[in-house]
N, C-alpha and C. Protein backbone atom coordinates (compact mmCIF):
# COMPACT_ATOMS: atom_id res chain seq x y z
N MET A 1 -0.02 21.19 -2.12
CA MET A 1 0.53 22.30 -2.87
C MET A 1 0.74 23.52 -1.97
N LYS A 2 -0.09 23.67 -0.96
CA LYS A 2 0.08 24.82 -0.07
C LYS A 2 1.38 24.74 0.70
N TYR A 3 1.89 23.50 0.93
CA TYR A 3 3.16 23.33 1.63
C TYR A 3 4.31 23.89 0.78
N ILE A 4 4.24 23.64 -0.51
CA ILE A 4 5.26 24.15 -1.43
C ILE A 4 5.27 25.67 -1.39
N ALA A 5 4.10 26.26 -1.51
CA ALA A 5 4.00 27.72 -1.51
C ALA A 5 4.53 28.31 -0.21
N LEU A 6 4.20 27.69 0.92
CA LEU A 6 4.65 28.20 2.21
C LEU A 6 6.17 28.13 2.34
N ILE A 7 6.75 27.00 1.96
CA ILE A 7 8.21 26.86 2.04
C ILE A 7 8.89 27.84 1.10
N LEU A 8 8.41 27.93 -0.13
CA LEU A 8 9.02 28.84 -1.10
C LEU A 8 8.90 30.29 -0.66
N LEU A 9 7.74 30.66 -0.16
CA LEU A 9 7.54 32.04 0.29
C LEU A 9 8.49 32.38 1.43
N THR A 10 8.62 31.46 2.39
CA THR A 10 9.52 31.68 3.52
C THR A 10 10.96 31.83 3.06
N TRP A 11 11.38 30.96 2.18
CA TRP A 11 12.76 30.98 1.72
C TRP A 11 13.05 32.19 0.85
N PHE A 12 12.20 32.45 -0.11
CA PHE A 12 12.53 33.47 -1.09
C PHE A 12 12.32 34.89 -0.58
N SER A 13 11.58 35.04 0.50
CA SER A 13 11.42 36.37 1.06
C SER A 13 12.71 36.85 1.72
N THR A 14 13.60 35.91 2.06
CA THR A 14 14.85 36.29 2.71
C THR A 14 16.08 36.10 1.82
N ASN A 15 15.90 35.52 0.64
CA ASN A 15 17.03 35.25 -0.24
C ASN A 15 17.27 36.39 -1.21
N GLN A 16 18.52 36.53 -1.61
CA GLN A 16 18.90 37.60 -2.51
C GLN A 16 19.24 37.05 -3.88
N VAL A 17 19.27 37.94 -4.85
CA VAL A 17 19.59 37.58 -6.22
C VAL A 17 20.98 36.96 -6.28
N GLY A 18 21.15 35.96 -7.16
CA GLY A 18 22.46 35.36 -7.36
C GLY A 18 22.72 34.13 -6.51
N GLN A 19 21.76 33.74 -5.71
CA GLN A 19 21.96 32.56 -4.88
C GLN A 19 21.56 31.31 -5.65
N GLU A 20 22.24 30.22 -5.35
CA GLU A 20 21.93 28.92 -5.96
C GLU A 20 20.84 28.25 -5.15
N ILE A 21 19.61 28.29 -5.65
CA ILE A 21 18.47 27.72 -4.94
C ILE A 21 17.91 26.56 -5.74
N TYR A 22 17.66 25.45 -5.04
CA TYR A 22 17.17 24.23 -5.67
C TYR A 22 15.90 23.77 -4.96
N VAL A 23 14.95 23.27 -5.75
CA VAL A 23 13.65 22.86 -5.22
C VAL A 23 13.36 21.41 -5.63
N CYS A 24 12.82 20.64 -4.70
CA CYS A 24 12.33 19.29 -4.99
C CYS A 24 10.89 19.21 -4.50
N LYS A 25 9.97 18.91 -5.41
CA LYS A 25 8.55 18.84 -5.07
C LYS A 25 8.07 17.42 -4.81
N ASN A 26 8.94 16.44 -4.98
CA ASN A 26 8.54 15.04 -4.82
C ASN A 26 9.62 14.22 -4.12
N ALA A 27 10.14 14.76 -3.04
CA ALA A 27 11.16 14.03 -2.28
C ALA A 27 10.56 12.74 -1.72
N LYS A 28 11.35 11.71 -1.73
CA LYS A 28 10.90 10.40 -1.24
C LYS A 28 11.39 10.20 0.19
N ILE A 29 10.44 9.89 1.05
CA ILE A 29 10.77 9.62 2.44
C ILE A 29 10.12 8.29 2.80
N SER A 30 10.92 7.39 3.39
CA SER A 30 10.37 6.12 3.82
C SER A 30 10.73 5.88 5.27
N LEU A 31 9.89 5.09 5.92
CA LEU A 31 10.18 4.71 7.29
C LEU A 31 10.07 3.20 7.40
N TYR A 32 10.91 2.66 8.28
CA TYR A 32 10.93 1.21 8.48
C TYR A 32 11.16 0.94 9.96
N SER A 33 10.38 0.02 10.48
CA SER A 33 10.50 -0.36 11.87
C SER A 33 10.41 -1.88 11.95
N GLU A 34 11.43 -2.48 12.52
CA GLU A 34 11.43 -3.93 12.68
C GLU A 34 11.03 -4.26 14.11
N ALA A 35 9.99 -5.06 14.22
CA ALA A 35 9.49 -5.47 15.54
C ALA A 35 9.30 -6.99 15.54
N PRO A 36 9.26 -7.60 16.74
CA PRO A 36 9.16 -9.06 16.82
C PRO A 36 7.97 -9.67 16.06
N LEU A 37 6.82 -9.03 16.07
CA LEU A 37 5.65 -9.62 15.43
C LEU A 37 5.36 -9.10 14.03
N GLU A 38 5.71 -7.85 13.76
CA GLU A 38 5.34 -7.28 12.46
C GLU A 38 6.24 -6.09 12.13
N ASN A 39 6.76 -6.07 10.92
CA ASN A 39 7.56 -4.94 10.47
C ASN A 39 6.62 -3.86 9.93
N ILE A 40 7.04 -2.62 10.11
CA ILE A 40 6.27 -1.50 9.59
C ILE A 40 7.09 -0.85 8.50
N ASP A 41 6.47 -0.66 7.35
CA ASP A 41 7.15 -0.13 6.18
C ASP A 41 6.19 0.83 5.47
N ALA A 42 6.59 2.07 5.30
CA ALA A 42 5.75 3.05 4.63
C ALA A 42 6.62 4.01 3.84
N SER A 43 6.03 4.62 2.83
CA SER A 43 6.80 5.59 2.04
C SER A 43 5.88 6.65 1.44
N SER A 44 6.50 7.75 1.08
CA SER A 44 5.80 8.87 0.43
C SER A 44 6.74 9.51 -0.57
N ALA A 45 6.18 10.00 -1.66
CA ALA A 45 6.94 10.78 -2.63
C ALA A 45 6.34 12.17 -2.72
N LYS A 46 5.80 12.65 -1.60
CA LYS A 46 5.11 13.95 -1.59
C LYS A 46 5.76 14.96 -0.66
N ALA A 47 6.97 14.69 -0.23
CA ALA A 47 7.68 15.68 0.59
C ALA A 47 8.21 16.78 -0.32
N VAL A 48 8.35 17.95 0.23
CA VAL A 48 8.85 19.12 -0.48
C VAL A 48 10.13 19.57 0.21
N SER A 49 11.11 19.96 -0.60
CA SER A 49 12.38 20.39 -0.03
C SER A 49 12.95 21.56 -0.81
N VAL A 50 13.64 22.43 -0.11
CA VAL A 50 14.35 23.55 -0.72
C VAL A 50 15.78 23.54 -0.18
N PHE A 51 16.74 23.67 -1.08
CA PHE A 51 18.15 23.71 -0.71
C PHE A 51 18.77 24.96 -1.31
N ASN A 52 19.35 25.79 -0.45
CA ASN A 52 20.05 26.99 -0.89
C ASN A 52 21.55 26.67 -0.79
N ALA A 53 22.16 26.36 -1.92
CA ALA A 53 23.57 25.96 -1.92
C ALA A 53 24.48 27.11 -1.51
N THR A 54 24.05 28.33 -1.71
CA THR A 54 24.86 29.49 -1.34
C THR A 54 24.99 29.62 0.17
N THR A 55 23.88 29.46 0.88
CA THR A 55 23.88 29.62 2.34
C THR A 55 23.97 28.29 3.10
N GLY A 56 23.66 27.19 2.41
CA GLY A 56 23.63 25.88 3.05
C GLY A 56 22.30 25.55 3.69
N ASP A 57 21.33 26.47 3.63
CA ASP A 57 20.02 26.23 4.24
C ASP A 57 19.29 25.10 3.52
N LEU A 58 18.67 24.22 4.31
CA LEU A 58 17.95 23.07 3.77
C LEU A 58 16.68 22.88 4.57
N SER A 59 15.55 22.67 3.87
CA SER A 59 14.30 22.41 4.59
C SER A 59 13.52 21.31 3.88
N PHE A 60 12.75 20.59 4.68
CA PHE A 60 11.86 19.53 4.21
C PHE A 60 10.51 19.68 4.90
N SER A 61 9.45 19.32 4.19
CA SER A 61 8.13 19.22 4.79
C SER A 61 7.45 17.98 4.22
N LEU A 62 6.99 17.11 5.11
CA LEU A 62 6.32 15.87 4.71
C LEU A 62 4.91 15.85 5.28
N PRO A 63 3.90 15.79 4.40
CA PRO A 63 2.53 15.58 4.91
C PRO A 63 2.44 14.14 5.45
N ILE A 64 2.18 13.99 6.73
CA ILE A 64 2.18 12.68 7.37
C ILE A 64 1.19 11.72 6.70
N ARG A 65 0.04 12.21 6.34
CA ARG A 65 -0.97 11.34 5.72
C ARG A 65 -0.57 10.85 4.33
N SER A 66 0.48 11.40 3.77
CA SER A 66 0.93 10.94 2.44
C SER A 66 1.72 9.63 2.53
N LEU A 67 2.12 9.23 3.74
CA LEU A 67 2.83 7.96 3.91
C LEU A 67 1.87 6.80 3.62
N GLN A 68 2.28 5.93 2.71
CA GLN A 68 1.46 4.81 2.29
C GLN A 68 2.01 3.50 2.87
N PHE A 69 1.12 2.71 3.43
CA PHE A 69 1.45 1.41 4.03
C PHE A 69 0.86 0.31 3.16
N GLN A 70 1.38 -0.91 3.29
CA GLN A 70 0.81 -2.04 2.57
C GLN A 70 -0.54 -2.44 3.13
N LYS A 71 -0.73 -2.25 4.42
CA LYS A 71 -2.00 -2.61 5.07
C LYS A 71 -2.76 -1.34 5.45
N ALA A 72 -4.00 -1.24 4.98
CA ALA A 72 -4.82 -0.06 5.25
C ALA A 72 -5.05 0.15 6.75
N LEU A 73 -5.25 -0.94 7.48
CA LEU A 73 -5.49 -0.82 8.92
C LEU A 73 -4.26 -0.26 9.64
N MET A 74 -3.08 -0.69 9.21
CA MET A 74 -1.84 -0.18 9.79
C MET A 74 -1.71 1.32 9.52
N GLN A 75 -2.05 1.74 8.32
CA GLN A 75 -1.99 3.16 7.96
C GLN A 75 -2.98 3.96 8.81
N GLU A 76 -4.16 3.42 9.01
CA GLU A 76 -5.17 4.10 9.83
C GLU A 76 -4.69 4.25 11.27
N HIS A 77 -4.16 3.18 11.85
CA HIS A 77 -3.66 3.25 13.23
C HIS A 77 -2.49 4.21 13.36
N PHE A 78 -1.60 4.18 12.37
CA PHE A 78 -0.45 5.08 12.36
C PHE A 78 -0.91 6.54 12.42
N ASN A 79 -1.86 6.90 11.57
CA ASN A 79 -2.33 8.29 11.50
C ASN A 79 -3.18 8.70 12.69
N GLU A 80 -4.07 7.82 13.13
CA GLU A 80 -5.00 8.20 14.19
C GLU A 80 -4.45 7.98 15.60
N ASN A 81 -3.80 6.85 15.83
CA ASN A 81 -3.41 6.51 17.20
C ASN A 81 -2.01 6.98 17.60
N TYR A 82 -1.09 6.99 16.64
CA TYR A 82 0.30 7.30 16.99
C TYR A 82 0.72 8.70 16.57
N MET A 83 0.54 9.02 15.31
CA MET A 83 1.00 10.31 14.81
C MET A 83 -0.02 11.43 15.00
N GLU A 84 -1.27 11.09 15.26
CA GLU A 84 -2.34 12.10 15.42
C GLU A 84 -2.25 13.12 14.28
N SER A 85 -2.34 12.60 13.07
CA SER A 85 -2.09 13.39 11.86
C SER A 85 -3.03 14.58 11.67
N ASP A 86 -4.23 14.51 12.22
CA ASP A 86 -5.13 15.66 12.12
C ASP A 86 -4.60 16.82 12.96
N LYS A 87 -4.01 16.50 14.09
CA LYS A 87 -3.46 17.51 15.00
C LYS A 87 -2.07 17.96 14.57
N TYR A 88 -1.26 17.01 14.06
CA TYR A 88 0.11 17.29 13.63
C TYR A 88 0.27 16.81 12.18
N PRO A 89 -0.19 17.60 11.21
CA PRO A 89 -0.26 17.12 9.82
C PRO A 89 1.07 16.97 9.10
N ASN A 90 2.12 17.61 9.59
CA ASN A 90 3.40 17.59 8.87
C ASN A 90 4.57 17.26 9.79
N ALA A 91 5.56 16.63 9.21
CA ALA A 91 6.87 16.49 9.84
C ALA A 91 7.77 17.44 9.06
N THR A 92 8.61 18.19 9.74
CA THR A 92 9.47 19.16 9.06
C THR A 92 10.90 19.07 9.57
N PHE A 93 11.79 19.53 8.74
CA PHE A 93 13.18 19.69 9.12
C PHE A 93 13.67 20.99 8.51
N LYS A 94 14.35 21.78 9.31
CA LYS A 94 14.96 23.01 8.82
C LYS A 94 16.35 23.10 9.42
N GLY A 95 17.36 23.13 8.52
CA GLY A 95 18.72 23.14 9.03
C GLY A 95 19.70 23.74 8.05
N LYS A 96 20.98 23.48 8.31
CA LYS A 96 22.04 24.04 7.50
C LYS A 96 23.08 22.96 7.23
N VAL A 97 23.45 22.84 5.96
CA VAL A 97 24.50 21.91 5.56
C VAL A 97 25.83 22.50 6.01
N SER A 98 26.60 21.72 6.74
CA SER A 98 27.84 22.25 7.33
C SER A 98 28.94 22.45 6.29
N GLN A 99 28.93 21.67 5.20
CA GLN A 99 29.95 21.81 4.18
C GLN A 99 29.41 22.69 3.04
N LYS A 100 30.30 23.44 2.43
CA LYS A 100 29.92 24.29 1.30
C LYS A 100 29.81 23.41 0.05
N ILE A 101 28.64 23.44 -0.59
CA ILE A 101 28.39 22.67 -1.80
C ILE A 101 27.93 23.63 -2.88
N SER A 102 28.46 23.47 -4.08
CA SER A 102 28.02 24.28 -5.21
C SER A 102 27.29 23.38 -6.20
N GLY A 103 26.18 23.86 -6.70
CA GLY A 103 25.42 23.11 -7.69
C GLY A 103 26.08 23.08 -9.05
N THR A 104 27.22 23.74 -9.18
CA THR A 104 27.93 23.75 -10.46
C THR A 104 29.19 22.89 -10.44
N GLN A 105 29.54 22.36 -9.28
CA GLN A 105 30.75 21.53 -9.16
C GLN A 105 30.35 20.07 -8.99
N ASP A 106 30.59 19.26 -10.03
CA ASP A 106 30.22 17.85 -9.98
C ASP A 106 31.01 17.11 -8.90
N GLY A 107 30.33 16.15 -8.29
CA GLY A 107 30.96 15.32 -7.28
C GLY A 107 29.95 14.77 -6.31
N THR A 108 30.43 13.91 -5.44
CA THR A 108 29.61 13.36 -4.37
C THR A 108 30.25 13.77 -3.05
N PHE A 109 29.44 14.35 -2.19
CA PHE A 109 29.96 14.96 -0.97
C PHE A 109 29.24 14.43 0.26
N ALA A 110 30.00 13.90 1.21
CA ALA A 110 29.44 13.50 2.50
C ALA A 110 29.20 14.79 3.29
N VAL A 111 28.01 14.93 3.83
CA VAL A 111 27.65 16.16 4.55
C VAL A 111 26.99 15.83 5.88
N ASN A 112 26.96 16.82 6.73
CA ASN A 112 26.16 16.79 7.95
C ASN A 112 25.25 17.99 7.90
N VAL A 113 24.00 17.78 8.28
CA VAL A 113 23.03 18.87 8.31
C VAL A 113 22.57 19.03 9.74
N THR A 114 22.76 20.20 10.29
CA THR A 114 22.38 20.48 11.67
C THR A 114 21.17 21.39 11.66
N GLY A 115 20.13 20.98 12.40
CA GLY A 115 18.92 21.78 12.42
C GLY A 115 17.89 21.22 13.38
N VAL A 116 16.63 21.54 13.10
CA VAL A 116 15.53 21.16 13.97
C VAL A 116 14.58 20.23 13.22
N LEU A 117 14.38 19.05 13.77
CA LEU A 117 13.43 18.07 13.25
C LEU A 117 12.17 18.18 14.10
N GLU A 118 11.03 18.43 13.45
CA GLU A 118 9.77 18.50 14.18
C GLU A 118 8.86 17.38 13.72
N VAL A 119 8.53 16.50 14.65
CA VAL A 119 7.64 15.38 14.40
C VAL A 119 6.65 15.32 15.56
N HIS A 120 5.37 15.16 15.25
CA HIS A 120 4.35 15.01 16.29
C HIS A 120 4.33 16.23 17.21
N GLY A 121 4.63 17.41 16.64
CA GLY A 121 4.60 18.65 17.40
C GLY A 121 5.78 18.87 18.32
N VAL A 122 6.77 17.96 18.29
CA VAL A 122 7.93 18.08 19.18
C VAL A 122 9.17 18.39 18.33
N LYS A 123 9.84 19.47 18.70
CA LYS A 123 11.06 19.88 18.00
C LYS A 123 12.27 19.31 18.70
N GLN A 124 13.20 18.82 17.89
CA GLN A 124 14.42 18.25 18.44
C GLN A 124 15.61 18.71 17.59
N ASN A 125 16.65 19.20 18.25
CA ASN A 125 17.87 19.55 17.54
C ASN A 125 18.56 18.26 17.10
N ARG A 126 18.97 18.22 15.83
CA ARG A 126 19.60 17.02 15.29
C ARG A 126 20.73 17.40 14.35
N THR A 127 21.73 16.54 14.28
CA THR A 127 22.74 16.59 13.23
C THR A 127 22.57 15.28 12.47
N ILE A 128 22.22 15.40 11.19
CA ILE A 128 21.88 14.24 10.38
C ILE A 128 22.90 14.10 9.26
N PRO A 129 23.50 12.91 9.12
CA PRO A 129 24.45 12.69 8.03
C PRO A 129 23.72 12.48 6.71
N GLY A 130 24.39 12.83 5.63
CA GLY A 130 23.79 12.62 4.31
C GLY A 130 24.84 12.67 3.23
N LYS A 131 24.35 12.60 2.01
CA LYS A 131 25.23 12.65 0.85
C LYS A 131 24.55 13.55 -0.18
N ILE A 132 25.31 14.49 -0.71
CA ILE A 132 24.83 15.34 -1.80
C ILE A 132 25.66 15.02 -3.03
N THR A 133 24.96 14.76 -4.13
CA THR A 133 25.61 14.47 -5.39
C THR A 133 25.23 15.55 -6.39
N VAL A 134 26.23 16.07 -7.08
CA VAL A 134 26.00 17.06 -8.14
C VAL A 134 26.53 16.45 -9.43
N SER A 135 25.68 16.41 -10.44
CA SER A 135 26.07 15.88 -11.74
C SER A 135 25.42 16.70 -12.84
N LYS A 136 26.24 17.45 -13.57
CA LYS A 136 25.77 18.28 -14.68
C LYS A 136 24.64 19.22 -14.26
N GLY A 137 24.80 19.83 -13.11
CA GLY A 137 23.83 20.80 -12.63
C GLY A 137 22.64 20.21 -11.89
N VAL A 138 22.53 18.89 -11.83
CA VAL A 138 21.46 18.24 -11.08
C VAL A 138 21.96 17.91 -9.68
N VAL A 139 21.24 18.37 -8.69
CA VAL A 139 21.62 18.16 -7.29
C VAL A 139 20.68 17.13 -6.68
N SER A 140 21.26 16.11 -6.04
CA SER A 140 20.43 15.13 -5.33
C SER A 140 21.00 14.93 -3.93
N LEU A 141 20.12 14.54 -3.04
CA LEU A 141 20.48 14.36 -1.64
C LEU A 141 19.92 13.03 -1.16
N SER A 142 20.68 12.33 -0.34
CA SER A 142 20.17 11.12 0.30
C SER A 142 20.66 11.10 1.74
N SER A 143 19.85 10.44 2.58
CA SER A 143 20.20 10.35 3.99
C SER A 143 19.47 9.16 4.60
N GLU A 144 20.04 8.67 5.68
CA GLU A 144 19.42 7.59 6.45
C GLU A 144 19.75 7.85 7.91
N PHE A 145 18.72 7.84 8.75
CA PHE A 145 18.93 8.11 10.18
C PHE A 145 17.79 7.50 10.99
N MET A 146 17.96 7.48 12.29
CA MET A 146 16.98 6.89 13.20
C MET A 146 16.24 7.98 13.97
N VAL A 147 14.97 7.71 14.24
CA VAL A 147 14.15 8.58 15.07
C VAL A 147 13.56 7.72 16.18
N LEU A 148 13.73 8.15 17.40
CA LEU A 148 13.15 7.44 18.54
C LEU A 148 11.75 7.99 18.82
N CYS A 149 10.78 7.12 18.95
CA CYS A 149 9.40 7.54 19.20
C CYS A 149 9.31 8.40 20.46
N LYS A 150 10.02 8.00 21.51
CA LYS A 150 9.95 8.74 22.78
C LYS A 150 10.47 10.17 22.65
N ASP A 151 11.40 10.42 21.71
CA ASP A 151 11.93 11.77 21.53
C ASP A 151 10.88 12.74 20.99
N HIS A 152 9.80 12.20 20.45
CA HIS A 152 8.75 13.05 19.87
C HIS A 152 7.39 12.77 20.51
N ASN A 153 7.42 12.26 21.73
CA ASN A 153 6.20 11.98 22.51
C ASN A 153 5.19 11.12 21.75
N ILE A 154 5.69 10.15 20.98
CA ILE A 154 4.82 9.20 20.30
C ILE A 154 4.72 7.99 21.22
N GLU A 155 3.55 7.82 21.79
CA GLU A 155 3.36 6.77 22.78
C GLU A 155 2.99 5.45 22.12
N ILE A 156 3.63 4.38 22.59
CA ILE A 156 3.34 3.04 22.12
C ILE A 156 2.70 2.29 23.29
N PRO A 157 1.43 1.98 23.17
CA PRO A 157 0.77 1.27 24.28
C PRO A 157 1.43 -0.08 24.55
N GLN A 158 1.50 -0.45 25.81
CA GLN A 158 2.16 -1.70 26.22
C GLN A 158 1.56 -2.91 25.51
N ILE A 159 0.29 -2.85 25.19
CA ILE A 159 -0.38 -3.99 24.57
C ILE A 159 0.14 -4.30 23.16
N VAL A 160 0.71 -3.29 22.49
CA VAL A 160 1.22 -3.51 21.12
C VAL A 160 2.74 -3.34 21.02
N PHE A 161 3.44 -3.35 22.14
CA PHE A 161 4.89 -3.09 22.10
C PHE A 161 5.65 -4.11 21.27
N LYS A 162 5.12 -5.31 21.08
CA LYS A 162 5.81 -6.31 20.25
C LYS A 162 5.55 -6.09 18.76
N LYS A 163 4.61 -5.22 18.44
CA LYS A 163 4.30 -4.94 17.04
C LYS A 163 4.98 -3.67 16.54
N ILE A 164 5.38 -2.82 17.45
CA ILE A 164 5.94 -1.52 17.06
C ILE A 164 7.27 -1.30 17.77
N ALA A 165 8.31 -1.05 17.00
CA ALA A 165 9.62 -0.77 17.57
C ALA A 165 9.67 0.65 18.11
N GLU A 166 10.57 0.89 19.04
CA GLU A 166 10.70 2.22 19.63
C GLU A 166 11.58 3.14 18.80
N SER A 167 12.27 2.58 17.81
CA SER A 167 13.07 3.41 16.92
C SER A 167 12.65 3.13 15.48
N ILE A 168 12.64 4.19 14.70
CA ILE A 168 12.18 4.13 13.31
C ILE A 168 13.33 4.56 12.40
N GLN A 169 13.61 3.75 11.40
CA GLN A 169 14.64 4.11 10.41
C GLN A 169 13.98 4.98 9.33
N ILE A 170 14.60 6.11 9.06
CA ILE A 170 14.10 7.04 8.06
C ILE A 170 15.11 7.11 6.92
N LYS A 171 14.59 7.03 5.68
CA LYS A 171 15.43 7.22 4.49
C LYS A 171 14.84 8.37 3.68
N VAL A 172 15.74 9.21 3.19
CA VAL A 172 15.34 10.39 2.42
C VAL A 172 16.10 10.39 1.10
N ALA A 173 15.38 10.70 0.02
CA ALA A 173 16.00 10.85 -1.30
C ALA A 173 15.31 11.99 -2.02
N ALA A 174 16.09 12.95 -2.48
CA ALA A 174 15.52 14.10 -3.18
C ALA A 174 16.39 14.48 -4.36
N THR A 175 15.75 14.77 -5.48
CA THR A 175 16.44 15.28 -6.65
C THR A 175 15.89 16.67 -6.93
N TYR A 176 16.78 17.64 -6.98
CA TYR A 176 16.39 19.04 -7.04
C TYR A 176 16.52 19.61 -8.44
N GLU A 177 15.69 20.61 -8.71
CA GLU A 177 15.80 21.41 -9.92
C GLU A 177 16.18 22.82 -9.50
N ALA A 178 16.99 23.47 -10.32
CA ALA A 178 17.37 24.85 -10.04
C ALA A 178 16.11 25.72 -10.10
N TYR A 179 15.95 26.57 -9.09
CA TYR A 179 14.80 27.46 -9.06
C TYR A 179 15.16 28.71 -9.86
N LYS A 180 14.28 29.06 -10.75
CA LYS A 180 14.48 30.27 -11.57
C LYS A 180 13.37 31.24 -11.24
N LYS A 181 13.77 32.41 -10.76
CA LYS A 181 12.79 33.44 -10.39
C LYS A 181 12.16 34.04 -11.61
């Protein structure tokens, strides 16, 4: 809950009256990695996102420990050995949607979001493709992209390289509600 408050405080301290602001408190983020010996599949519905349709600003925050795996041991290794979740508790993205989208105009829009993805304490500039759908005032966003472990200093020991792929597929889905001050 403190992540929601922090994101909202940051956003709303700089926003002005009359802006179209949308909030999602349960964005779904999943990761998938296909490797020769074992696939890795995890998901969370605890990411928080804010979208300002007026300015195009978009942010996400995912508590790393909220990612759930089918195998408890895999989840433990992911958090302790690879992501160091105690040291780097969140993955974040803060960027800007390049196309102008209004929460009052129905349609499905292909978009690109340019910003900074921070994972494992490493910030990387990224342009991520996505889709924003507006239907009767409900705004939803979806995206699929790849993250390379080496780009975020996530080390994969040689002994387990056949169990863990060097690239991770990320899927994002968020349905927003209009924020009312």
